[in-house]
Protein backbone atom coordinates (compact mmCIF):
# COMPACT_ATOMS: atom_id res chain seq x y z
CA UNK A 1 -27.49 -22.13 0.01
CA UNK A 2 -27.15 -18.31 0.57
CA UNK A 3 -26.20 -18.47 4.69
CA UNK A 4 -27.35 -15.51 7.04
CA UNK A 5 -26.27 -14.27 10.07
CA UNK A 6 -24.67 -16.50 12.55
CA UNK A 7 -25.45 -18.92 10.35
CA UNK A 8 -22.86 -17.48 7.96
CA UNK A 9 -20.34 -16.13 10.57
CA UNK A 10 -19.78 -20.26 11.79
CA UNK A 11 -19.74 -21.45 9.20
CA UNK A 12 -18.20 -19.82 5.97
CA UNK A 13 -16.11 -17.53 8.64
CA UNK A 14 -15.53 -19.82 10.86
CA UNK A 15 -16.40 -17.81 14.48
CA UNK A 16 -13.57 -15.21 13.50
CA UNK A 17 -12.15 -12.87 16.82
CA UNK A 18 -8.97 -11.37 14.38
CA UNK A 19 -10.07 -9.13 11.63
CA UNK A 20 -8.60 -7.94 9.15
CA UNK A 21 -9.54 -4.30 7.96
CA UNK A 22 -10.00 -3.15 4.44
CA UNK A 23 -7.84 -0.32 3.97
CA UNK A 24 -7.56 1.51 0.31
CA UNK A 25 -4.12 1.01 -1.16
CA UNK A 26 -2.88 -0.74 2.07
CA UNK A 27 -4.95 -4.15 2.49
CA UNK A 28 -3.91 -6.02 -0.64
CA UNK A 29 -2.33 -9.43 -1.53
CA UNK A 30 1.08 -9.51 0.08
CA UNK A 31 0.48 -7.69 2.96
CA UNK A 32 -3.14 -10.45 3.80
CA UNK A 33 -0.89 -13.07 3.72
CA UNK A 34 2.02 -11.73 6.47
CA UNK A 35 -1.15 -10.55 8.24
CA UNK A 36 -2.74 -14.04 8.20
CA UNK A 37 0.50 -15.65 9.12
CA UNK A 38 0.31 -13.47 11.94
CA UNK A 39 -3.28 -14.36 13.56
CA UNK A 40 -5.61 -12.80 10.82
CA UNK A 41 -8.39 -14.94 10.75
CA UNK A 42 -10.40 -12.92 7.70
CA UNK A 43 -9.57 -9.93 5.68
CA UNK A 44 -10.84 -7.56 3.88
CA UNK A 45 -9.71 -6.27 0.69
CA UNK A 46 -9.03 -2.49 -0.31
CA UNK A 47 -12.13 -0.46 -0.70
CA UNK A 48 -13.59 0.10 -4.80
CA UNK A 49 -15.52 2.18 -6.27
CA UNK A 50 -18.15 -0.16 -7.77
CA UNK A 51 -18.23 2.72 -11.52
CA UNK A 52 -14.74 2.68 -11.62
CA UNK A 53 -14.44 -1.41 -11.09
CA UNK A 54 -16.62 -1.94 -13.31
CA UNK A 55 -15.59 0.37 -16.26
CA UNK A 56 -11.89 0.23 -16.48
CA UNK A 57 -9.95 -2.81 -16.87
CA UNK A 58 -6.40 -1.91 -16.08
CA UNK A 59 -8.55 -1.05 -12.39
CA UNK A 60 -9.63 -4.30 -12.02
CA UNK A 61 -6.25 -5.48 -13.22
CA UNK A 62 -3.61 -3.61 -10.85
CA UNK A 63 -6.42 -3.76 -7.99
CA UNK A 64 -8.18 -7.13 -7.89
CA UNK A 65 -5.77 -9.77 -7.07
CA UNK A 66 -7.39 -12.77 -5.11
CA UNK A 67 -6.09 -16.62 -4.69
CA UNK A 68 -7.81 -19.56 -3.38
CA UNK A 69 -5.86 -19.75 0.18
CA UNK A 70 -6.92 -16.28 1.07
CA UNK A 71 -10.00 -17.29 2.72
CA UNK A 72 -11.93 -15.82 4.12
CA UNK A 73 -11.91 -12.93 2.34
CA UNK A 74 -14.29 -10.23 1.92
CA UNK A 75 -14.31 -7.72 -1.05
CA UNK A 76 -15.50 -4.32 -0.32
CA UNK A 77 -17.11 -1.88 -2.78
CA UNK A 78 -18.16 1.55 -2.34
CA UNK A 79 -20.85 3.13 -4.32
CA UNK A 80 -23.94 5.47 -4.57
CA UNK A 81 -25.85 3.23 -7.20
CA UNK A 82 -27.45 -0.27 -5.92
CA UNK A 83 -27.16 -0.96 -9.96
CA UNK A 84 -23.98 -0.31 -9.66
CA UNK A 85 -22.56 -2.21 -7.61
CA UNK A 86 -24.62 -4.85 -7.84
CA UNK A 87 -23.22 -5.11 -11.25
CA UNK A 88 -19.74 -5.15 -9.22
CA UNK A 89 -20.20 -7.36 -6.69
CA UNK A 90 -21.42 -9.82 -9.61
CA UNK A 91 -18.16 -9.69 -11.00
CA UNK A 92 -16.26 -11.07 -7.71
CA UNK A 93 -18.91 -13.48 -6.58
CA UNK A 94 -17.11 -16.76 -7.16
CA UNK A 95 -14.32 -14.93 -5.64
CA UNK A 96 -14.73 -13.95 -2.03
CA UNK A 97 -17.12 -15.47 0.39
CA UNK A 98 -19.05 -11.64 0.98
CA UNK A 99 -19.62 -8.70 0.02
CA UNK A 100 -18.97 -5.18 1.68
CA UNK A 101 -20.47 -2.57 0.88
CA UNK A 102 -18.48 0.73 2.87
CA UNK A 103 -20.59 3.91 4.77
CA UNK A 104 -17.49 4.45 6.96
CA UNK A 105 -14.46 6.50 4.92
CA UNK A 106 -14.78 9.92 6.01
CA UNK A 107 -12.00 10.87 2.95
CA UNK A 108 -12.68 14.08 1.30
CA UNK A 109 -13.07 11.31 -2.19
CA UNK A 110 -16.30 9.92 -0.68
CA UNK A 111 -17.73 13.05 -0.03
CA UNK A 112 -17.39 14.77 -3.06
CA UNK A 113 -18.22 11.27 -4.92
CA UNK A 114 -20.61 11.02 -1.75
CA UNK A 115 -20.62 7.62 -1.44
CA UNK A 116 -19.13 6.27 2.32
CA UNK A 117 -19.68 8.09 5.52
CA UNK A 118 -21.35 10.50 3.10
CA UNK A 119 -23.94 8.60 1.74
CA UNK A 120 -25.90 10.29 3.81
CA UNK A 121 -29.78 8.60 2.11
CA UNK A 122 -30.57 5.90 3.90
CA UNK A 123 -32.72 4.93 1.32
CA UNK A 124 -30.84 4.55 -1.47
CA UNK A 125 -28.56 2.91 1.48
CA UNK A 126 -31.58 0.34 2.20
CA UNK A 127 -31.51 -0.14 -1.60
CA UNK A 128 -28.42 -1.14 -1.90
CA UNK A 129 -28.57 -3.58 0.74
CA UNK A 130 -31.52 -5.04 -0.74
CA UNK A 131 -30.83 -5.56 -4.02
CA UNK A 132 -27.49 -6.49 -3.25
CA UNK A 133 -29.24 -9.46 -0.29
CA UNK A 134 -31.81 -10.17 -3.00
CA UNK A 135 -29.38 -10.77 -6.33
CA UNK A 136 -26.36 -12.17 -5.55
CA UNK A 137 -27.27 -15.64 -5.39
CA UNK A 138 -24.18 -17.81 -3.48
CA UNK A 139 -22.94 -15.28 -0.40
CA UNK A 140 -24.11 -12.65 1.84
CA UNK A 141 -23.28 -8.64 2.19
CA UNK A 142 -22.44 -6.65 5.19
CA UNK A 143 -21.94 -3.23 5.81
CA UNK A 144 -19.28 -1.26 7.71
CA UNK A 145 -19.51 2.82 9.30
CA UNK A 146 -19.34 4.81 11.98
CA UNK A 147 -21.26 6.14 14.84
CA UNK A 148 -23.57 9.31 14.59
CA UNK A 149 -23.17 11.61 17.92
CA UNK A 150 -26.36 10.18 18.96
CA UNK A 151 -26.23 6.99 20.60
CA UNK A 152 -30.09 6.55 19.47
CA UNK A 153 -29.92 7.81 15.67
CA UNK A 154 -26.75 5.12 15.93
CA UNK A 155 -28.97 1.84 16.26
CA UNK A 156 -32.04 3.41 14.02
CA UNK A 157 -29.24 3.02 11.91
CA UNK A 158 -27.77 0.19 12.17
CA UNK A 159 -31.84 -1.38 12.48
CA UNK A 160 -31.94 -0.07 9.36
CA UNK A 161 -29.26 -2.10 7.72
CA UNK A 162 -30.40 -5.34 9.24
CA UNK A 163 -33.23 -5.65 8.24
CA UNK A 164 -32.19 -4.66 4.80
CA UNK A 165 -30.42 -7.45 4.53
CA UNK A 166 -27.15 -6.95 5.56
CA UNK A 167 -25.40 -10.80 7.93
CA UNK A 168 -22.85 -8.46 9.55
CA UNK A 169 -22.19 -4.90 10.67
CA UNK A 170 -18.78 -4.28 11.44
CA UNK A 171 -19.05 -0.86 13.99
CA UNK A 172 -16.35 2.07 14.21
CA UNK A 173 -16.34 3.54 16.82
CA UNK A 174 -15.51 7.07 15.71
CA UNK A 175 -17.89 9.55 13.86
CA UNK A 176 -16.83 10.78 10.35
CA UNK A 177 -15.15 14.05 11.28
CA UNK A 178 -12.92 11.95 13.61
CA UNK A 179 -9.91 11.39 11.10
CA UNK A 180 -6.41 12.15 10.98
CA UNK A 181 -5.05 14.48 13.70
CA UNK A 182 -8.44 14.64 15.08
CA UNK A 183 -9.72 11.00 15.53
CA UNK A 184 -9.44 10.76 19.31
CA UNK A 185 -10.81 7.69 20.69
CA UNK A 186 -13.39 5.10 19.44
CA UNK A 187 -16.40 5.10 21.36
CA UNK A 188 -16.58 1.47 22.50
CA UNK A 189 -20.10 2.63 24.81
CA UNK A 190 -21.68 2.85 21.29
CA UNK A 191 -20.59 -0.04 19.84
CA UNK A 192 -22.20 -2.00 22.99
CA UNK A 193 -25.54 -0.21 22.43
CA UNK A 194 -25.06 -0.85 18.73
CA UNK A 195 -24.73 -4.81 19.74
CA UNK A 196 -27.40 -5.18 21.74
CA UNK A 197 -30.12 -3.74 19.61
CA UNK A 198 -29.20 -5.99 16.61
CA UNK A 199 -28.97 -10.11 16.10
CA UNK A 200 -26.61 -10.72 13.63
CA UNK A 201 -22.95 -10.62 14.77
CA UNK A 202 -20.89 -6.84 15.19
CA UNK A 203 -17.78 -6.87 14.83
CA UNK A 204 -15.79 -3.37 16.28
CA UNK A 205 -13.41 -1.45 14.92
CA UNK A 206 -10.93 1.53 17.02
CA UNK A 207 -8.37 1.29 20.11
CA UNK A 208 -7.28 -1.71 18.92
CA UNK A 209 -3.47 -1.26 19.33
CA UNK A 210 -1.87 -4.29 21.39
CA UNK A 211 -3.12 -7.49 21.81
CA UNK A 212 -4.49 -6.61 25.27
CA UNK A 213 -6.55 -4.48 23.38
CA UNK A 214 -8.62 -6.87 22.02
CA UNK A 215 -9.98 -8.72 24.71
CA UNK A 216 -10.50 -5.64 26.75
CA UNK A 217 -12.54 -4.80 23.66
CA UNK A 218 -14.27 -7.73 22.82
CA UNK A 219 -15.34 -7.78 27.15
CA UNK A 220 -16.50 -3.92 26.56
CA UNK A 221 -19.15 -4.27 24.11
CA UNK A 222 -19.23 -7.86 23.97
CA UNK A 223 -18.60 -7.91 20.30
CA UNK A 224 -17.83 -11.29 18.34
CA UNK A 225 -14.65 -10.00 16.45
CA UNK A 226 -12.12 -6.89 16.68
CA UNK A 227 -10.54 -5.42 13.28
CA UNK A 228 -7.92 -3.47 12.98
CA UNK A 229 -6.33 -1.18 10.79
CA UNK A 230 -3.72 1.60 11.40
CA UNK A 231 -2.06 -0.82 14.18
CA UNK A 232 -2.08 -3.53 11.80
CA UNK A 233 -0.33 -1.66 9.38
CA UNK A 234 2.63 -0.61 11.83
CA UNK A 235 2.55 -4.16 13.76
CA UNK A 236 1.35 -6.82 11.53
CA UNK A 237 1.90 -9.42 14.24
CA UNK A 238 -0.33 -7.48 16.14
CA UNK A 239 -3.23 -10.42 16.22
CA UNK A 240 -0.59 -12.94 17.74
CA UNK A 241 -0.30 -13.17 21.31
CA UNK A 242 2.18 -12.80 23.45
CA UNK A 243 4.93 -12.17 20.18
CA UNK A 244 6.95 -9.24 19.05
CA UNK A 245 8.35 -9.28 15.14
CA UNK A 246 11.62 -7.06 14.34
CA UNK A 247 11.18 -4.22 11.81
CA UNK A 248 13.58 -5.69 9.40
CA UNK A 249 12.12 -9.67 10.17
CA UNK A 250 8.36 -7.94 8.78
CA UNK A 251 9.90 -6.29 6.14
CA UNK A 252 12.39 -8.58 4.84
CA UNK A 253 9.63 -11.34 5.48
CA UNK A 254 7.03 -9.20 3.35
CA UNK A 255 9.14 -8.62 0.85
CA UNK A 256 9.82 -11.91 0.26
CA UNK A 257 5.94 -12.28 -0.18
CA UNK A 258 5.81 -9.91 -2.93
CA UNK A 259 8.46 -11.71 -4.86
CA UNK A 260 6.03 -13.99 -5.54
CA UNK A 261 2.55 -11.48 -5.60
CA UNK A 262 3.92 -8.72 -7.32
CA UNK A 263 2.29 -5.10 -5.97
CA UNK A 264 2.87 -1.25 -6.72
CA UNK A 265 6.62 0.30 -5.15
CA UNK A 266 4.05 2.76 -3.54
CA UNK A 267 2.06 0.03 -1.26
CA UNK A 268 5.08 -0.69 -0.65
CA UNK A 269 7.32 2.32 0.62
CA UNK A 270 4.18 2.69 2.73
CA UNK A 271 3.96 -0.40 4.56
CA UNK A 272 8.22 0.32 4.93
CA UNK A 273 7.24 3.64 5.83
CA UNK A 274 4.45 2.19 8.68
CA UNK A 275 6.43 -0.27 9.78
CA UNK A 276 9.75 1.90 10.28
CA UNK A 277 8.19 4.93 12.09
CA UNK A 278 8.67 4.74 15.59
CA UNK A 279 12.37 4.33 14.19
CA UNK A 280 11.91 7.00 12.37
CA UNK A 281 11.25 9.38 14.51
CA UNK A 282 14.79 9.54 16.10
CA UNK A 283 17.02 12.73 13.92
CA UNK A 284 20.28 9.94 13.65
CA UNK A 285 17.57 7.32 11.47
CA UNK A 286 15.13 10.46 9.80
CA UNK A 287 18.04 10.02 6.74
CA UNK A 288 16.16 7.01 6.35
CA UNK A 289 13.13 8.46 5.63
CA UNK A 290 14.39 10.08 2.37
CA UNK A 291 15.61 6.76 0.93
CA UNK A 292 12.64 4.81 1.27
CA UNK A 293 11.24 7.74 -0.31
CA UNK A 294 13.33 7.03 -3.45
CA UNK A 295 13.01 3.37 -3.55
CA UNK A 296 11.84 2.49 -7.50
CA UNK A 297 12.82 -1.26 -7.17
CA UNK A 298 12.27 -4.54 -4.88
CA UNK A 299 16.09 -5.00 -4.94
CA UNK A 300 16.22 -0.84 -3.50
CA UNK A 301 13.65 -2.34 -0.96
CA UNK A 302 15.84 -5.19 0.28
CA UNK A 303 19.37 -2.80 0.28
CA UNK A 304 17.02 -0.50 2.53
CA UNK A 305 16.20 -3.14 4.68
CA UNK A 306 19.92 -4.54 5.11
CA UNK A 307 20.64 -0.86 5.92
CA UNK A 308 18.36 -0.50 8.24
CA UNK A 309 19.75 -3.63 10.43
CA UNK A 310 23.13 -2.19 9.25
CA UNK A 311 22.81 1.22 11.49
CA UNK A 312 20.29 -0.67 13.69
CA UNK A 313 22.85 -3.26 14.42
CA UNK A 314 25.97 -0.47 14.66
CA UNK A 315 23.94 1.39 17.26
CA UNK A 316 22.95 -1.07 19.03
CA UNK A 317 23.73 0.94 22.34
CA UNK A 318 21.87 3.72 21.08
CA UNK A 319 18.76 1.80 19.92
CA UNK A 320 18.35 -0.14 23.29
CA UNK A 321 17.80 2.75 25.11
CA UNK A 322 15.40 4.48 22.64
CA UNK A 323 11.47 3.38 23.23
CA UNK A 324 8.30 3.55 20.78
CA UNK A 325 4.71 4.28 21.85
CA UNK A 326 4.28 0.78 23.41
CA UNK A 327 7.63 1.54 25.27
CA UNK A 328 9.08 -1.25 23.19
CA UNK A 329 12.20 -1.65 21.70
CA UNK A 330 12.27 0.60 18.45
CA UNK A 331 13.95 -2.39 17.18
CA UNK A 332 10.23 -3.69 17.27
CA UNK A 333 6.80 -3.67 15.14
CA UNK A 334 4.22 -1.26 17.33
CA UNK A 335 1.27 0.78 17.24
CA UNK A 336 1.63 4.51 16.67
CA UNK A 337 -0.54 6.19 19.17
CA UNK A 338 -1.36 9.89 17.98
CA UNK A 339 -1.54 12.83 20.23
CA UNK A 340 -4.69 15.33 20.66
CA UNK A 341 -4.00 17.68 17.61
CA UNK A 342 -0.77 16.41 16.32
CA UNK A 343 0.30 17.65 12.68
CA UNK A 344 0.06 14.91 9.41
CA UNK A 345 3.33 15.14 9.26
CA UNK A 346 4.91 14.55 13.26
CA UNK A 347 8.48 12.89 12.20
CA UNK A 348 11.60 15.62 13.40
CA UNK A 349 13.56 17.80 11.54
CA UNK A 350 16.58 19.65 12.32
CA UNK A 351 18.92 21.81 10.49
CA UNK A 352 21.03 18.23 9.78
CA UNK A 353 18.53 16.00 8.72
CA UNK A 354 16.97 18.76 6.10
CA UNK A 355 18.88 16.93 2.50
CA UNK A 356 18.49 18.38 -0.52
CA UNK A 357 17.12 16.26 -3.58
CA UNK A 358 20.72 15.67 -4.89
CA UNK A 359 21.71 14.20 -1.05
CA UNK A 360 19.06 11.82 -0.83
CA UNK A 361 19.98 10.48 -4.54
CA UNK A 362 23.66 10.22 -3.45
CA UNK A 363 23.30 8.59 -0.01
CA UNK A 364 20.65 6.07 -1.75
CA UNK A 365 23.17 5.47 -4.61
CA UNK A 366 25.98 4.57 -1.75
CA UNK A 367 23.62 2.05 0.04
CA UNK A 368 23.13 0.59 -3.72
CA UNK A 369 26.42 0.61 -4.58
CA UNK A 370 27.94 -0.75 -0.97
CA UNK A 371 25.06 -3.94 -0.91
CA UNK A 372 24.42 -4.15 -5.11
CA UNK A 373 28.58 -5.00 -6.11
CA UNK A 374 28.77 -2.23 -8.31
CA UNK A 375 30.66 1.24 -8.45
CA UNK A 376 28.85 4.49 -7.50
CA UNK A 377 28.97 5.45 -10.79
CA UNK A 378 26.74 2.56 -11.75
CA UNK A 379 24.57 2.57 -9.06
CA UNK A 380 23.28 6.61 -9.81
CA UNK A 381 22.63 5.33 -13.20
CA UNK A 382 20.28 2.41 -11.65
CA UNK A 383 18.73 4.69 -10.29
CA UNK A 384 17.54 6.70 -13.69
CA UNK A 385 17.32 3.18 -15.58
CA UNK A 386 16.82 -0.51 -12.86
CA UNK A 387 16.73 -2.13 -16.32
CA UNK A 388 20.45 -0.69 -17.20
CA UNK A 389 22.68 -3.97 -18.26
CA UNK A 390 26.17 -3.00 -17.70
CA UNK A 391 27.54 -6.00 -19.41
CA UNK A 392 25.88 -4.50 -22.64
CA UNK A 393 27.56 -1.67 -22.03
CA UNK A 394 30.88 -2.97 -22.02
CA UNK A 395 31.54 -3.50 -25.59
CA UNK A 396 34.28 -1.72 -26.33
CA UNK A 397 34.18 1.33 -28.86
CA UNK A 398 36.57 1.25 -32.16
CA UNK A 399 38.23 4.70 -31.84
CA UNK A 400 39.13 7.05 -34.88
CA UNK A 401 42.44 7.78 -35.64
CA UNK A 402 41.95 10.72 -32.83
CA UNK A 403 40.87 8.35 -30.37
CA UNK A 404 37.96 9.80 -30.46
CA UNK A 405 35.23 7.19 -30.61
CA UNK A 406 34.42 6.59 -34.69
CA UNK A 407 30.59 7.46 -36.35
CA UNK A 408 28.53 4.48 -36.98
CA UNK A 409 28.34 3.79 -40.74
CA UNK A 410 31.17 6.05 -41.82
CA UNK A 411 33.32 4.77 -44.96
CA UNK A 412 36.98 5.66 -43.39
CA UNK A 413 35.43 4.33 -39.39
CA UNK A 414 36.28 7.78 -38.44
CA UNK A 415 35.43 10.74 -36.72
CA UNK A 416 33.24 13.29 -38.13
CA UNK A 417 36.32 15.85 -38.05
CA UNK A 418 39.06 13.50 -39.76
CA UNK A 419 36.84 12.51 -41.81
CA UNK A 420 35.85 15.71 -43.47
CA UNK A 421 39.67 15.91 -43.66
CA UNK A 422 40.59 12.90 -45.59
CA UNK A 423 37.49 13.16 -47.75
CA UNK A 424 39.41 16.89 -48.54
CA UNK A 425 42.61 15.38 -48.89
CA UNK A 426 41.89 12.11 -50.71
CA UNK A 427 38.93 13.60 -52.35
CA UNK A 428 36.41 10.38 -51.86
CA UNK A 429 33.43 11.24 -50.60
CA UNK A 430 31.45 10.07 -47.23
CA UNK A 431 27.39 9.85 -47.27
CA UNK A 432 27.35 9.28 -43.47
CA UNK A 433 28.50 12.92 -43.27
CA UNK A 434 27.33 14.17 -46.32
CA UNK A 435 30.69 14.52 -47.54
CA UNK A 436 29.84 13.80 -51.72
CA UNK A 437 32.40 14.40 -54.77
CA UNK A 438 31.59 16.87 -56.82
CA UNK A 439 32.96 16.13 -60.42
CA UNK A 440 33.35 19.49 -63.41
CA UNK A 441 30.92 19.23 -66.13
CA UNK A 442 33.41 18.88 -69.49
CA UNK A 443 33.09 21.77 -71.85
CA UNK A 444 31.60 20.47 -75.26
CA UNK A 445 33.82 20.61 -78.30
């Protein structure tokens, strides 16, 4: 029997307080596993485009990865066609605990596709939720959305989704215009107003930067749980009370999980960038940013982490004086506090740190050589071809009499120049070098 509302919340989700948000290309299986180790009680998959998920097997195989221990799990879809969203949901119904409809994505891709926060047709939203509610046999539908400027409109919006059949509502306390550099603060008062006007469980999303914010948010909004996205990306131990995890330890643990659950290197690079954010704010360590950009394999990521460990240890006296946004030493994972009007790329820059591409490759190659037990030349070759087998390449060449490598297939086991001389002197041929013996025609008597 399909559960709904607080019955679903208590029996299936086990009355959670800490929920990991759905994040495009960021809440993949290894990151969900890591977050659960540090307190996340319910996790969401990344947002999937329902139309692409339904039609593209490669897209599904690359992005959809689940395991039995990763439960309770909610799969999130975006879309603007009820039947398409339903068909995609039916494909994963037996692999998750609920289907979530994304109505909060504020990115331009959502604006172009008319989904997420830009799906303005309330009738269509009602139909999608109603279709999922009526046709999913074993799991319920939930919805995640952003607030409007008007509280009354937001409450009406939430009630409409509740009437359509949404079992749980997640409210991001920002409008769709609040994103990136102009994100500002989430409005907890609007979330509290929504909690008062609906009867289903409500999850608050926004402004969760440290563990202390969780209790404060629950007290102000009276919601049933909190959800964290960016705060969790910077600090995967955000949900763990009275615990600070070192950046290098978090990276090492995440990479260990990736060994057993392979994932895209672009995801790994993005996670390492987030966790290293406060380290990269200081010019002394800015060179590491370019090295992270050049990583191509899991082994590169491990070498980067060893290099990061070494440089933080060597500059221990300096590091102790450097603080991140949460006033912790930069060796610890901590959330980023966005300032008003902040640009997209807020990393410091100096003339000394403006490396050319060749400089970046040389620096990464040196780290590979130092930690990989190979020469600098071999490290550079590994950057171009990570699968290169140096043992195979050690086979000695057979040399010509002139000490040049012989031509493979030469009848005289010589280079082309020496072979040509021998053929002319001895009047012999070589098929490899197209040297042929010309026999003069016999005169007729």
